Amino acid sequence: KSLIQIIESLKVKQDNKETSAFHVQYVIRPQLEKYHDYRGFAGKIKSGEFQVGDSVQVFPSGQRSKIEKIEKYGIPIGKTVKDENASVLLIDNVDVSRGSVIIKSRKEFSENKKLVATICWMQNEKLEVKKKYWLQQGVQKVLTIVDAIESKMDFNKRKTVKTEALELNDIGEITLTLAQPIFSEPYDKNRALGAFILIDQNTFNTAGVGFIRKPKPTFN
């Protein structure tokens, strides 16, 4: 089988109760007297679902509130689900901006910035320890540094081998440290919250595609 056929045949176990996460892309503040107190958050449901009345928490501030309204094209709706675009209005005036993530409330969250990931390298310049890239997952974009390259796949020997760098089309396991934490989950639990890309700082090209294996959980 080819590499593409192997990847396409992989079965990933999905949790039926996905974490509900809403990526904020834009804060809506109409400059009209009629809407002087309107503050909507437009974005995409990355995972799960939201309903009017849900208790929510904002990442990374940790502030809590409840959903007062959900709108789609200016029309109120009661519920929005994964992959839909919508605007969310909260009861309280909390700190939310582009790049924030609104989730259904949890007890607490951790600020750990390290994660372990499998990466597919997509550019000619090697991936090496101590190099910096932009990590992007949806609207979340943070600077990251490569702490370690643990191994790579040797498809001729059909096993992982130790390596100090990843070259074009290599697939390997790496450890990253982020400048700020992102809201994420392991890829085998939640595809939408477990996948990311690495962006070259100089060319802004996609340097690699990653899948989180063992993050230090953002929320406990």
N, C-alpha and C. Protein backbone atom coordinates (compact mmCIF):
# COMPACT_ATOMS: atom_id res chain seq x y z
N LYS A 1 0.82 -1.20 0.00
CA LYS A 1 0.00 0.00 0.00
C LYS A 1 0.86 1.26 0.00
N SER A 2 0.36 2.31 -0.63
CA SER A 2 1.06 3.59 -0.61
C SER A 2 0.84 4.27 0.74
N LEU A 3 1.65 5.32 1.04
CA LEU A 3 1.50 6.06 2.30
C LEU A 3 0.11 6.68 2.39
N ILE A 4 -0.38 7.24 1.29
CA ILE A 4 -1.71 7.86 1.28
C ILE A 4 -2.79 6.83 1.60
N GLN A 5 -2.67 5.63 1.02
CA GLN A 5 -3.66 4.57 1.29
C GLN A 5 -3.64 4.14 2.75
N ILE A 6 -2.43 4.09 3.34
CA ILE A 6 -2.31 3.71 4.75
C ILE A 6 -2.97 4.76 5.63
N ILE A 7 -2.69 6.06 5.35
CA ILE A 7 -3.26 7.15 6.15
C ILE A 7 -4.78 7.15 6.03
N GLU A 8 -5.30 6.97 4.80
CA GLU A 8 -6.75 7.01 4.58
C GLU A 8 -7.46 5.82 5.23
N SER A 9 -6.73 4.72 5.45
CA SER A 9 -7.36 3.53 6.03
C SER A 9 -7.32 3.51 7.56
N LEU A 10 -6.58 4.47 8.16
CA LEU A 10 -6.49 4.51 9.61
C LEU A 10 -7.84 4.80 10.24
N LYS A 11 -8.18 4.08 11.27
CA LYS A 11 -9.43 4.29 11.99
C LYS A 11 -9.14 5.05 13.27
N VAL A 12 -9.75 6.20 13.40
CA VAL A 12 -9.55 7.04 14.58
C VAL A 12 -10.80 6.97 15.45
N LYS A 13 -10.62 6.56 16.70
CA LYS A 13 -11.74 6.47 17.62
C LYS A 13 -12.20 7.87 18.02
N GLN A 14 -13.47 8.16 17.85
CA GLN A 14 -14.02 9.47 18.17
C GLN A 14 -14.92 9.39 19.39
N ASP A 15 -14.80 10.40 20.24
CA ASP A 15 -15.64 10.51 21.42
C ASP A 15 -16.97 11.11 21.01
N ASN A 16 -18.06 10.41 21.34
CA ASN A 16 -19.38 10.90 20.97
C ASN A 16 -19.74 12.18 21.71
N LYS A 17 -19.09 12.42 22.84
CA LYS A 17 -19.37 13.64 23.60
C LYS A 17 -18.18 14.59 23.43
N GLU A 18 -18.10 15.19 22.27
CA GLU A 18 -17.00 16.09 21.97
C GLU A 18 -17.04 17.35 22.85
N THR A 19 -15.87 17.84 23.17
CA THR A 19 -15.78 19.12 23.85
C THR A 19 -16.35 20.21 22.94
N SER A 20 -17.18 21.06 23.49
CA SER A 20 -17.78 22.15 22.70
C SER A 20 -16.85 23.35 22.72
N ALA A 21 -16.37 23.74 21.54
CA ALA A 21 -15.41 24.84 21.41
C ALA A 21 -15.81 25.74 20.25
N PHE A 22 -15.89 27.05 20.53
CA PHE A 22 -16.27 28.06 19.55
C PHE A 22 -15.10 29.01 19.35
N HIS A 23 -14.53 29.05 18.13
CA HIS A 23 -13.40 29.92 17.83
C HIS A 23 -13.89 31.30 17.39
N VAL A 24 -13.51 32.31 18.15
CA VAL A 24 -13.96 33.68 17.85
C VAL A 24 -13.08 34.29 16.76
N GLN A 25 -13.73 34.71 15.66
CA GLN A 25 -13.00 35.31 14.54
C GLN A 25 -13.16 36.82 14.49
N TYR A 26 -14.26 37.32 15.07
CA TYR A 26 -14.53 38.76 14.95
C TYR A 26 -15.49 39.20 16.06
N VAL A 27 -15.22 40.38 16.61
CA VAL A 27 -16.12 40.97 17.62
C VAL A 27 -16.98 42.03 16.93
N ILE A 28 -18.31 41.86 17.01
CA ILE A 28 -19.25 42.74 16.33
C ILE A 28 -19.74 43.82 17.28
N ARG A 29 -19.43 45.09 16.95
CA ARG A 29 -19.89 46.24 17.74
C ARG A 29 -20.46 47.29 16.78
N PRO A 30 -21.73 47.17 16.38
CA PRO A 30 -22.32 48.13 15.44
C PRO A 30 -22.26 49.56 15.99
N GLN A 31 -21.85 50.49 15.14
CA GLN A 31 -21.77 51.89 15.56
C GLN A 31 -23.11 52.60 15.31
N LEU A 32 -24.15 52.05 15.90
CA LEU A 32 -25.49 52.58 15.74
C LEU A 32 -26.14 52.74 17.11
N GLU A 33 -26.90 53.81 17.30
CA GLU A 33 -27.56 54.07 18.57
C GLU A 33 -28.49 52.92 18.94
N LYS A 34 -29.15 52.36 17.92
CA LYS A 34 -30.10 51.27 18.15
C LYS A 34 -29.42 50.06 18.77
N TYR A 35 -28.14 49.87 18.44
CA TYR A 35 -27.41 48.69 18.93
C TYR A 35 -26.24 49.11 19.82
N HIS A 36 -26.41 50.15 20.61
CA HIS A 36 -25.31 50.69 21.40
C HIS A 36 -24.75 49.70 22.42
N ASP A 37 -25.56 48.74 22.86
CA ASP A 37 -25.08 47.76 23.84
C ASP A 37 -24.90 46.37 23.23
N TYR A 38 -24.89 46.30 21.90
CA TYR A 38 -24.73 45.01 21.20
C TYR A 38 -23.25 44.64 21.15
N ARG A 39 -22.93 43.42 21.57
CA ARG A 39 -21.56 42.91 21.50
C ARG A 39 -21.62 41.43 21.18
N GLY A 40 -21.50 41.13 19.88
CA GLY A 40 -21.59 39.75 19.43
C GLY A 40 -20.22 39.21 19.05
N PHE A 41 -20.07 37.90 19.17
CA PHE A 41 -18.81 37.24 18.82
C PHE A 41 -19.07 36.29 17.66
N ALA A 42 -18.53 36.65 16.50
CA ALA A 42 -18.74 35.84 15.30
C ALA A 42 -17.60 34.85 15.15
N GLY A 43 -17.95 33.64 14.73
CA GLY A 43 -16.92 32.63 14.54
C GLY A 43 -17.50 31.30 14.11
N LYS A 44 -16.71 30.26 14.33
CA LYS A 44 -17.08 28.91 13.88
C LYS A 44 -17.09 27.94 15.04
N ILE A 45 -18.09 27.07 15.03
CA ILE A 45 -18.13 25.99 16.03
C ILE A 45 -17.10 24.95 15.60
N LYS A 46 -15.99 24.90 16.30
CA LYS A 46 -14.91 23.99 15.95
C LYS A 46 -15.23 22.56 16.34
N SER A 47 -16.00 22.43 17.43
CA SER A 47 -16.28 21.11 17.97
C SER A 47 -17.50 21.17 18.87
N GLY A 48 -18.31 20.11 18.88
CA GLY A 48 -19.45 20.04 19.79
C GLY A 48 -20.62 20.90 19.34
N GLU A 49 -21.35 21.47 20.34
CA GLU A 49 -22.54 22.27 20.06
C GLU A 49 -22.79 23.24 21.20
N PHE A 50 -23.57 24.29 20.90
CA PHE A 50 -23.94 25.28 21.90
C PHE A 50 -25.43 25.60 21.79
N GLN A 51 -26.05 25.90 22.95
CA GLN A 51 -27.45 26.29 23.01
C GLN A 51 -27.59 27.55 23.86
N VAL A 52 -28.64 28.29 23.60
CA VAL A 52 -28.96 29.46 24.43
C VAL A 52 -29.13 28.99 25.88
N GLY A 53 -28.50 29.70 26.82
CA GLY A 53 -28.58 29.32 28.23
C GLY A 53 -27.40 28.50 28.72
N ASP A 54 -26.55 28.03 27.81
CA ASP A 54 -25.38 27.24 28.22
C ASP A 54 -24.42 28.09 29.06
N SER A 55 -23.88 27.49 30.11
CA SER A 55 -22.81 28.12 30.87
C SER A 55 -21.51 27.92 30.10
N VAL A 56 -20.75 29.01 29.93
CA VAL A 56 -19.54 28.93 29.14
C VAL A 56 -18.37 29.58 29.86
N GLN A 57 -17.18 29.30 29.33
CA GLN A 57 -15.95 29.84 29.88
C GLN A 57 -15.10 30.31 28.71
N VAL A 58 -14.36 31.40 28.89
CA VAL A 58 -13.55 31.96 27.82
C VAL A 58 -12.09 31.57 28.01
N PHE A 59 -11.49 31.04 26.96
CA PHE A 59 -10.06 30.73 26.99
C PHE A 59 -9.32 31.81 26.22
N PRO A 60 -8.22 32.41 26.73
CA PRO A 60 -7.48 31.95 27.90
C PRO A 60 -7.79 32.67 29.21
N SER A 61 -8.70 33.63 29.24
CA SER A 61 -8.91 34.43 30.45
C SER A 61 -9.52 33.63 31.59
N GLY A 62 -10.32 32.60 31.26
CA GLY A 62 -10.98 31.81 32.29
C GLY A 62 -12.27 32.41 32.80
N GLN A 63 -12.67 33.58 32.28
CA GLN A 63 -13.90 34.22 32.73
C GLN A 63 -15.12 33.40 32.32
N ARG A 64 -16.17 33.47 33.14
CA ARG A 64 -17.38 32.67 32.93
C ARG A 64 -18.58 33.55 32.62
N SER A 65 -19.52 32.99 31.88
CA SER A 65 -20.77 33.69 31.57
C SER A 65 -21.78 32.66 31.07
N LYS A 66 -22.89 33.15 30.54
CA LYS A 66 -23.91 32.30 29.92
C LYS A 66 -24.28 32.87 28.55
N ILE A 67 -24.71 31.98 27.66
CA ILE A 67 -25.11 32.42 26.33
C ILE A 67 -26.50 33.04 26.40
N GLU A 68 -26.58 34.31 26.02
CA GLU A 68 -27.85 35.02 26.01
C GLU A 68 -28.60 34.81 24.69
N LYS A 69 -27.85 34.89 23.59
CA LYS A 69 -28.45 34.71 22.26
C LYS A 69 -27.45 34.02 21.33
N ILE A 70 -27.99 33.33 20.33
CA ILE A 70 -27.20 32.81 19.22
C ILE A 70 -27.88 33.30 17.94
N GLU A 71 -27.10 33.88 17.04
CA GLU A 71 -27.67 34.40 15.80
C GLU A 71 -26.94 33.84 14.59
N LYS A 72 -27.69 33.67 13.51
CA LYS A 72 -27.12 33.24 12.24
C LYS A 72 -27.69 34.16 11.16
N TYR A 73 -26.82 34.94 10.53
CA TYR A 73 -27.23 35.95 9.55
C TYR A 73 -28.24 36.92 10.16
N GLY A 74 -28.04 37.26 11.44
CA GLY A 74 -28.89 38.21 12.12
C GLY A 74 -30.20 37.64 12.64
N ILE A 75 -30.43 36.36 12.42
CA ILE A 75 -31.68 35.71 12.85
C ILE A 75 -31.41 34.87 14.10
N PRO A 76 -32.16 35.08 15.18
CA PRO A 76 -31.96 34.29 16.41
C PRO A 76 -32.24 32.81 16.18
N ILE A 77 -31.37 31.95 16.72
CA ILE A 77 -31.57 30.51 16.67
C ILE A 77 -31.31 29.96 18.07
N GLY A 78 -31.81 28.78 18.34
CA GLY A 78 -31.66 28.23 19.69
C GLY A 78 -30.42 27.40 19.89
N LYS A 79 -29.84 26.92 18.76
CA LYS A 79 -28.74 25.97 18.88
C LYS A 79 -27.85 26.06 17.65
N THR A 80 -26.55 25.83 17.84
CA THR A 80 -25.62 25.77 16.72
C THR A 80 -24.65 24.61 16.96
N VAL A 81 -24.23 23.95 15.88
CA VAL A 81 -23.44 22.72 16.01
C VAL A 81 -22.14 22.81 15.22
N LYS A 82 -21.32 21.79 15.37
CA LYS A 82 -19.98 21.71 14.76
C LYS A 82 -19.99 22.10 13.28
N ASP A 83 -19.00 22.91 12.90
CA ASP A 83 -18.74 23.37 11.53
C ASP A 83 -19.69 24.48 11.07
N GLU A 84 -20.63 24.90 11.92
CA GLU A 84 -21.50 26.02 11.56
C GLU A 84 -20.86 27.33 11.97
N ASN A 85 -21.17 28.39 11.21
CA ASN A 85 -20.77 29.75 11.57
C ASN A 85 -21.94 30.43 12.25
N ALA A 86 -21.66 31.19 13.29
CA ALA A 86 -22.73 31.85 14.05
C ALA A 86 -22.15 33.02 14.84
N SER A 87 -23.05 33.81 15.42
CA SER A 87 -22.67 34.87 16.35
C SER A 87 -23.24 34.54 17.72
N VAL A 88 -22.43 34.67 18.74
CA VAL A 88 -22.83 34.36 20.11
C VAL A 88 -22.81 35.64 20.94
N LEU A 89 -23.87 35.87 21.70
CA LEU A 89 -23.94 37.00 22.62
C LEU A 89 -24.01 36.46 24.04
N LEU A 90 -23.18 37.02 24.92
CA LEU A 90 -23.12 36.56 26.31
C LEU A 90 -23.84 37.53 27.24
N ILE A 91 -24.28 37.02 28.37
CA ILE A 91 -25.00 37.84 29.36
C ILE A 91 -24.07 38.87 29.98
N ASP A 92 -22.82 38.47 30.25
CA ASP A 92 -21.87 39.35 30.94
C ASP A 92 -20.88 39.99 29.97
N ASN A 93 -20.32 41.11 30.39
CA ASN A 93 -19.30 41.80 29.60
C ASN A 93 -17.93 41.23 29.98
N VAL A 94 -17.53 40.15 29.29
CA VAL A 94 -16.28 39.47 29.61
C VAL A 94 -15.24 39.77 28.53
N ASP A 95 -13.99 39.44 28.83
CA ASP A 95 -12.87 39.73 27.94
C ASP A 95 -12.81 38.69 26.83
N VAL A 96 -13.30 39.06 25.63
CA VAL A 96 -13.28 38.18 24.46
C VAL A 96 -12.78 38.97 23.27
N SER A 97 -11.86 38.40 22.50
CA SER A 97 -11.34 39.05 21.30
C SER A 97 -11.03 37.99 20.25
N ARG A 98 -10.61 38.42 19.06
CA ARG A 98 -10.25 37.47 18.02
C ARG A 98 -9.16 36.53 18.54
N GLY A 99 -9.36 35.24 18.32
CA GLY A 99 -8.41 34.25 18.81
C GLY A 99 -8.83 33.61 20.12
N SER A 100 -9.82 34.21 20.81
CA SER A 100 -10.35 33.58 22.03
C SER A 100 -11.15 32.34 21.65
N VAL A 101 -11.29 31.44 22.61
CA VAL A 101 -12.11 30.24 22.42
C VAL A 101 -13.16 30.21 23.52
N ILE A 102 -14.42 30.10 23.12
CA ILE A 102 -15.52 29.97 24.08
C ILE A 102 -15.86 28.49 24.18
N ILE A 103 -15.86 27.97 25.41
CA ILE A 103 -16.15 26.55 25.62
C ILE A 103 -17.24 26.41 26.67
N LYS A 104 -17.87 25.24 26.70
CA LYS A 104 -18.79 24.96 27.79
C LYS A 104 -17.98 24.84 29.08
N SER A 105 -18.50 25.40 30.15
CA SER A 105 -17.73 25.58 31.39
C SER A 105 -17.14 24.29 31.93
N ARG A 106 -15.90 24.43 32.44
CA ARG A 106 -15.23 23.35 33.15
C ARG A 106 -14.74 23.91 34.48
N LYS A 107 -14.20 23.04 35.33
CA LYS A 107 -13.83 23.47 36.67
C LYS A 107 -12.65 24.42 36.67
N GLU A 108 -11.58 24.11 35.96
CA GLU A 108 -10.39 24.93 35.97
C GLU A 108 -9.54 24.62 34.74
N PHE A 109 -8.53 25.45 34.48
CA PHE A 109 -7.65 25.17 33.37
C PHE A 109 -6.20 25.38 33.76
N SER A 110 -5.32 24.72 33.02
CA SER A 110 -3.89 24.79 33.27
C SER A 110 -3.22 25.64 32.20
N GLU A 111 -2.10 26.26 32.57
CA GLU A 111 -1.38 27.13 31.63
C GLU A 111 -0.15 26.43 31.04
N ASN A 112 -0.09 25.10 31.09
CA ASN A 112 1.07 24.40 30.54
C ASN A 112 1.17 24.62 29.04
N LYS A 113 2.38 24.87 28.55
CA LYS A 113 2.57 25.24 27.14
C LYS A 113 3.29 24.18 26.31
N LYS A 114 3.51 23.00 26.87
CA LYS A 114 4.22 21.95 26.13
C LYS A 114 3.26 20.93 25.55
N LEU A 115 3.63 20.38 24.38
CA LEU A 115 2.85 19.30 23.80
C LEU A 115 3.75 18.40 22.98
N VAL A 116 3.31 17.16 22.83
CA VAL A 116 3.98 16.17 21.98
C VAL A 116 3.10 15.92 20.78
N ALA A 117 3.70 15.90 19.59
CA ALA A 117 2.89 15.77 18.38
C ALA A 117 3.59 14.92 17.33
N THR A 118 2.78 14.33 16.47
CA THR A 118 3.29 13.69 15.26
C THR A 118 3.21 14.73 14.15
N ILE A 119 4.30 14.88 13.40
CA ILE A 119 4.35 15.92 12.37
C ILE A 119 4.71 15.31 11.01
N CYS A 120 4.05 15.77 9.97
CA CYS A 120 4.41 15.42 8.60
C CYS A 120 5.08 16.65 8.00
N TRP A 121 6.38 16.53 7.66
CA TRP A 121 7.15 17.68 7.22
C TRP A 121 6.98 17.93 5.73
N MET A 122 6.75 19.20 5.35
CA MET A 122 6.31 19.51 4.00
C MET A 122 7.18 20.53 3.27
N GLN A 123 8.36 20.84 3.78
CA GLN A 123 9.22 21.77 3.05
C GLN A 123 10.65 21.24 2.98
N ASN A 124 11.43 21.81 2.03
CA ASN A 124 12.78 21.31 1.78
C ASN A 124 13.72 21.61 2.94
N GLU A 125 13.55 22.76 3.59
CA GLU A 125 14.39 23.09 4.74
C GLU A 125 14.07 22.15 5.90
N LYS A 126 15.09 21.57 6.49
CA LYS A 126 14.90 20.58 7.54
C LYS A 126 14.23 21.15 8.79
N LEU A 127 13.48 20.29 9.46
CA LEU A 127 12.99 20.61 10.80
C LEU A 127 14.05 20.17 11.78
N GLU A 128 14.55 21.14 12.57
CA GLU A 128 15.61 20.85 13.52
C GLU A 128 15.28 21.44 14.89
N VAL A 129 15.92 20.89 15.92
CA VAL A 129 15.73 21.37 17.30
C VAL A 129 16.13 22.84 17.39
N LYS A 130 15.35 23.59 18.18
CA LYS A 130 15.55 25.01 18.47
C LYS A 130 15.04 25.95 17.38
N LYS A 131 14.52 25.40 16.30
CA LYS A 131 13.94 26.28 15.27
C LYS A 131 12.54 26.73 15.71
N LYS A 132 12.17 27.95 15.28
CA LYS A 132 10.89 28.52 15.67
C LYS A 132 9.93 28.60 14.48
N TYR A 133 8.66 28.37 14.76
CA TYR A 133 7.61 28.43 13.74
C TYR A 133 6.35 29.03 14.37
N TRP A 134 5.44 29.43 13.52
CA TRP A 134 4.09 29.77 13.98
C TRP A 134 3.26 28.50 13.99
N LEU A 135 2.58 28.24 15.10
CA LEU A 135 1.64 27.13 15.17
C LEU A 135 0.24 27.69 15.07
N GLN A 136 -0.54 27.17 14.13
CA GLN A 136 -1.91 27.66 13.95
C GLN A 136 -2.91 26.52 14.00
N GLN A 137 -3.96 26.75 14.80
CA GLN A 137 -5.09 25.83 14.87
C GLN A 137 -6.35 26.70 14.84
N GLY A 138 -7.02 26.73 13.70
CA GLY A 138 -8.16 27.62 13.56
C GLY A 138 -7.71 29.07 13.69
N VAL A 139 -8.35 29.82 14.59
CA VAL A 139 -7.96 31.22 14.80
C VAL A 139 -6.84 31.36 15.83
N GLN A 140 -6.48 30.26 16.48
CA GLN A 140 -5.40 30.30 17.47
C GLN A 140 -4.04 30.24 16.74
N LYS A 141 -3.19 31.23 16.97
CA LYS A 141 -1.89 31.29 16.31
C LYS A 141 -0.85 31.76 17.31
N VAL A 142 0.15 30.90 17.58
CA VAL A 142 1.17 31.23 18.58
C VAL A 142 2.55 30.85 18.06
N LEU A 143 3.56 31.54 18.57
CA LEU A 143 4.94 31.21 18.23
C LEU A 143 5.35 29.97 19.03
N THR A 144 6.09 29.08 18.38
CA THR A 144 6.50 27.84 19.05
C THR A 144 7.93 27.50 18.69
N ILE A 145 8.60 26.78 19.59
CA ILE A 145 9.97 26.35 19.35
C ILE A 145 10.04 24.83 19.46
N VAL A 146 10.86 24.22 18.62
CA VAL A 146 11.03 22.76 18.63
C VAL A 146 12.00 22.40 19.75
N ASP A 147 11.51 21.70 20.76
CA ASP A 147 12.35 21.29 21.89
C ASP A 147 13.14 20.01 21.60
N ALA A 148 12.47 19.07 20.93
CA ALA A 148 13.11 17.77 20.68
C ALA A 148 12.47 17.09 19.48
N ILE A 149 13.28 16.30 18.79
CA ILE A 149 12.78 15.42 17.73
C ILE A 149 13.05 14.00 18.22
N GLU A 150 11.99 13.31 18.59
CA GLU A 150 12.14 12.01 19.24
C GLU A 150 12.46 10.88 18.26
N SER A 151 11.78 10.86 17.11
CA SER A 151 11.94 9.76 16.16
C SER A 151 11.26 10.10 14.85
N LYS A 152 11.46 9.25 13.85
CA LYS A 152 10.74 9.37 12.59
C LYS A 152 10.41 7.98 12.07
N MET A 153 9.46 7.90 11.16
CA MET A 153 9.07 6.62 10.58
C MET A 153 10.04 6.24 9.46
N ASP A 154 10.55 5.01 9.52
CA ASP A 154 11.33 4.43 8.43
C ASP A 154 10.42 3.44 7.73
N PHE A 155 9.88 3.84 6.58
CA PHE A 155 8.88 3.01 5.92
C PHE A 155 9.48 1.79 5.23
N ASN A 156 10.78 1.81 4.98
CA ASN A 156 11.43 0.63 4.42
C ASN A 156 11.56 -0.46 5.47
N LYS A 157 11.93 -0.05 6.70
CA LYS A 157 12.07 -1.00 7.81
C LYS A 157 10.76 -1.20 8.57
N ARG A 158 9.78 -0.33 8.27
CA ARG A 158 8.47 -0.38 8.93
C ARG A 158 8.58 -0.25 10.44
N LYS A 159 9.37 0.71 10.89
CA LYS A 159 9.50 0.97 12.31
C LYS A 159 9.99 2.40 12.52
N THR A 160 9.90 2.89 13.77
CA THR A 160 10.41 4.22 14.08
C THR A 160 11.89 4.13 14.38
N VAL A 161 12.64 5.17 13.99
CA VAL A 161 14.08 5.21 14.23
C VAL A 161 14.44 6.57 14.82
N LYS A 162 15.51 6.64 15.56
CA LYS A 162 15.98 7.89 16.14
C LYS A 162 16.49 8.81 15.03
N THR A 163 16.32 10.11 15.22
CA THR A 163 16.78 11.08 14.22
C THR A 163 17.01 12.44 14.88
N GLU A 164 17.82 13.27 14.24
CA GLU A 164 18.09 14.61 14.75
C GLU A 164 17.40 15.68 13.92
N ALA A 165 16.77 15.27 12.81
CA ALA A 165 16.09 16.24 11.94
C ALA A 165 15.03 15.51 11.12
N LEU A 166 14.05 16.27 10.65
CA LEU A 166 13.05 15.75 9.72
C LEU A 166 13.22 16.44 8.38
N GLU A 167 13.22 15.66 7.30
CA GLU A 167 13.35 16.19 5.96
C GLU A 167 12.01 16.10 5.24
N LEU A 168 11.98 16.63 4.01
CA LEU A 168 10.75 16.66 3.22
C LEU A 168 10.07 15.29 3.19
N ASN A 169 8.77 15.27 3.55
CA ASN A 169 7.91 14.07 3.55
C ASN A 169 8.17 13.12 4.71
N ASP A 170 9.10 13.47 5.62
CA ASP A 170 9.29 12.65 6.82
C ASP A 170 8.10 12.81 7.76
N ILE A 171 7.80 11.73 8.49
CA ILE A 171 6.79 11.77 9.54
C ILE A 171 7.48 11.38 10.85
N GLY A 172 7.39 12.25 11.85
CA GLY A 172 8.09 11.98 13.09
C GLY A 172 7.37 12.52 14.30
N GLU A 173 7.92 12.20 15.47
CA GLU A 173 7.36 12.67 16.73
C GLU A 173 8.26 13.74 17.31
N ILE A 174 7.65 14.90 17.67
CA ILE A 174 8.42 16.02 18.18
C ILE A 174 7.78 16.56 19.46
N THR A 175 8.56 17.35 20.19
CA THR A 175 8.06 18.05 21.36
C THR A 175 8.17 19.55 21.10
N LEU A 176 7.10 20.29 21.40
CA LEU A 176 7.06 21.73 21.16
C LEU A 176 6.79 22.48 22.46
N THR A 177 7.33 23.69 22.54
CA THR A 177 6.98 24.62 23.61
C THR A 177 6.36 25.85 22.97
N LEU A 178 5.17 26.23 23.44
CA LEU A 178 4.43 27.35 22.87
C LEU A 178 4.65 28.62 23.67
N ALA A 179 4.63 29.76 22.98
CA ALA A 179 4.77 31.04 23.66
C ALA A 179 3.55 31.32 24.55
N GLN A 180 2.37 30.89 24.10
CA GLN A 180 1.14 30.95 24.90
C GLN A 180 0.40 29.63 24.71
N PRO A 181 -0.37 29.21 25.70
CA PRO A 181 -1.11 27.96 25.57
C PRO A 181 -2.24 28.09 24.55
N ILE A 182 -2.60 26.98 23.93
CA ILE A 182 -3.78 26.93 23.07
C ILE A 182 -4.77 25.94 23.68
N PHE A 183 -6.03 26.07 23.30
CA PHE A 183 -7.03 25.11 23.77
C PHE A 183 -7.03 23.94 22.81
N SER A 184 -6.64 22.76 23.28
CA SER A 184 -6.48 21.61 22.40
C SER A 184 -6.80 20.31 23.12
N GLU A 185 -6.92 19.25 22.32
CA GLU A 185 -7.10 17.89 22.84
C GLU A 185 -6.34 16.94 21.94
N PRO A 186 -6.06 15.71 22.40
CA PRO A 186 -5.37 14.74 21.54
C PRO A 186 -6.18 14.46 20.27
N TYR A 187 -5.47 14.25 19.17
CA TYR A 187 -6.13 14.02 17.89
C TYR A 187 -6.99 12.77 17.91
N ASP A 188 -6.57 11.73 18.65
CA ASP A 188 -7.36 10.50 18.68
C ASP A 188 -8.64 10.65 19.47
N LYS A 189 -8.77 11.76 20.20
CA LYS A 189 -10.00 12.04 20.94
C LYS A 189 -10.88 13.04 20.19
N ASN A 190 -10.24 14.01 19.55
CA ASN A 190 -10.99 15.07 18.88
C ASN A 190 -10.16 15.61 17.71
N ARG A 191 -10.54 15.25 16.49
CA ARG A 191 -9.76 15.65 15.31
C ARG A 191 -9.68 17.17 15.17
N ALA A 192 -10.80 17.85 15.40
CA ALA A 192 -10.86 19.29 15.18
C ALA A 192 -9.94 20.05 16.13
N LEU A 193 -9.81 19.58 17.37
CA LEU A 193 -9.00 20.26 18.38
C LEU A 193 -7.60 19.66 18.50
N GLY A 194 -7.32 18.61 17.70
CA GLY A 194 -6.03 17.95 17.81
C GLY A 194 -5.10 18.15 16.63
N ALA A 195 -5.58 18.80 15.57
CA ALA A 195 -4.76 19.03 14.38
C ALA A 195 -4.31 20.48 14.31
N PHE A 196 -3.13 20.71 13.72
CA PHE A 196 -2.60 22.06 13.56
C PHE A 196 -1.64 22.10 12.39
N ILE A 197 -1.19 23.30 12.02
CA ILE A 197 -0.14 23.44 11.02
C ILE A 197 1.00 24.26 11.61
N LEU A 198 2.21 24.04 11.11
CA LEU A 198 3.35 24.88 11.45
C LEU A 198 3.67 25.75 10.24
N ILE A 199 3.87 27.04 10.49
CA ILE A 199 4.09 28.02 9.42
C ILE A 199 5.50 28.58 9.52
N ASP A 200 6.22 28.58 8.40
CA ASP A 200 7.57 29.13 8.34
C ASP A 200 7.53 30.63 8.63
N GLN A 201 8.37 31.10 9.55
CA GLN A 201 8.37 32.51 9.94
C GLN A 201 8.81 33.44 8.80
N ASN A 202 9.66 32.94 7.90
CA ASN A 202 10.21 33.78 6.85
C ASN A 202 9.36 33.78 5.58
N THR A 203 8.90 32.61 5.18
CA THR A 203 8.15 32.52 3.92
C THR A 203 6.65 32.53 4.12
N PHE A 204 6.19 32.25 5.34
CA PHE A 204 4.78 32.13 5.69
C PHE A 204 4.10 30.95 4.97
N ASN A 205 4.91 30.03 4.44
CA ASN A 205 4.38 28.82 3.84
C ASN A 205 4.09 27.79 4.93
N THR A 206 3.18 26.87 4.63
CA THR A 206 2.92 25.77 5.55
C THR A 206 4.11 24.83 5.53
N ALA A 207 4.79 24.72 6.68
CA ALA A 207 5.99 23.91 6.77
C ALA A 207 5.68 22.46 7.15
N GLY A 208 4.60 22.27 7.92
CA GLY A 208 4.26 20.92 8.35
C GLY A 208 2.84 20.86 8.88
N VAL A 209 2.31 19.64 8.90
CA VAL A 209 0.98 19.37 9.45
C VAL A 209 1.15 18.49 10.67
N GLY A 210 0.52 18.89 11.79
CA GLY A 210 0.73 18.16 13.03
C GLY A 210 -0.53 17.61 13.66
N PHE A 211 -0.33 16.58 14.48
CA PHE A 211 -1.42 15.92 15.18
C PHE A 211 -0.99 15.72 16.64
N ILE A 212 -1.72 16.36 17.54
CA ILE A 212 -1.35 16.32 18.96
C ILE A 212 -1.55 14.92 19.53
N ARG A 213 -0.52 14.42 20.18
CA ARG A 213 -0.58 13.07 20.76
C ARG A 213 -0.77 13.12 22.27
N LYS A 214 0.09 13.89 22.94
CA LYS A 214 0.04 13.93 24.40
C LYS A 214 0.22 15.35 24.88
N PRO A 215 -0.84 16.17 24.74
CA PRO A 215 -0.70 17.53 25.26
C PRO A 215 -0.75 17.53 26.77
N LYS A 216 -0.11 18.51 27.37
CA LYS A 216 -0.34 18.76 28.79
C LYS A 216 -1.67 19.48 28.83
N PRO A 217 -2.75 18.86 29.34
CA PRO A 217 -4.09 19.38 29.14
C PRO A 217 -4.25 20.85 29.51
N THR A 218 -4.87 21.61 28.63
CA THR A 218 -5.14 23.01 28.89
C THR A 218 -6.17 23.16 29.97
N PHE A 219 -7.22 22.28 29.93
CA PHE A 219 -8.26 22.28 30.96
C PHE A 219 -8.24 20.95 31.66
N ASN A 220 -8.41 20.97 32.98
CA ASN A 220 -8.41 19.73 33.74
C ASN A 220 -9.83 19.29 34.03
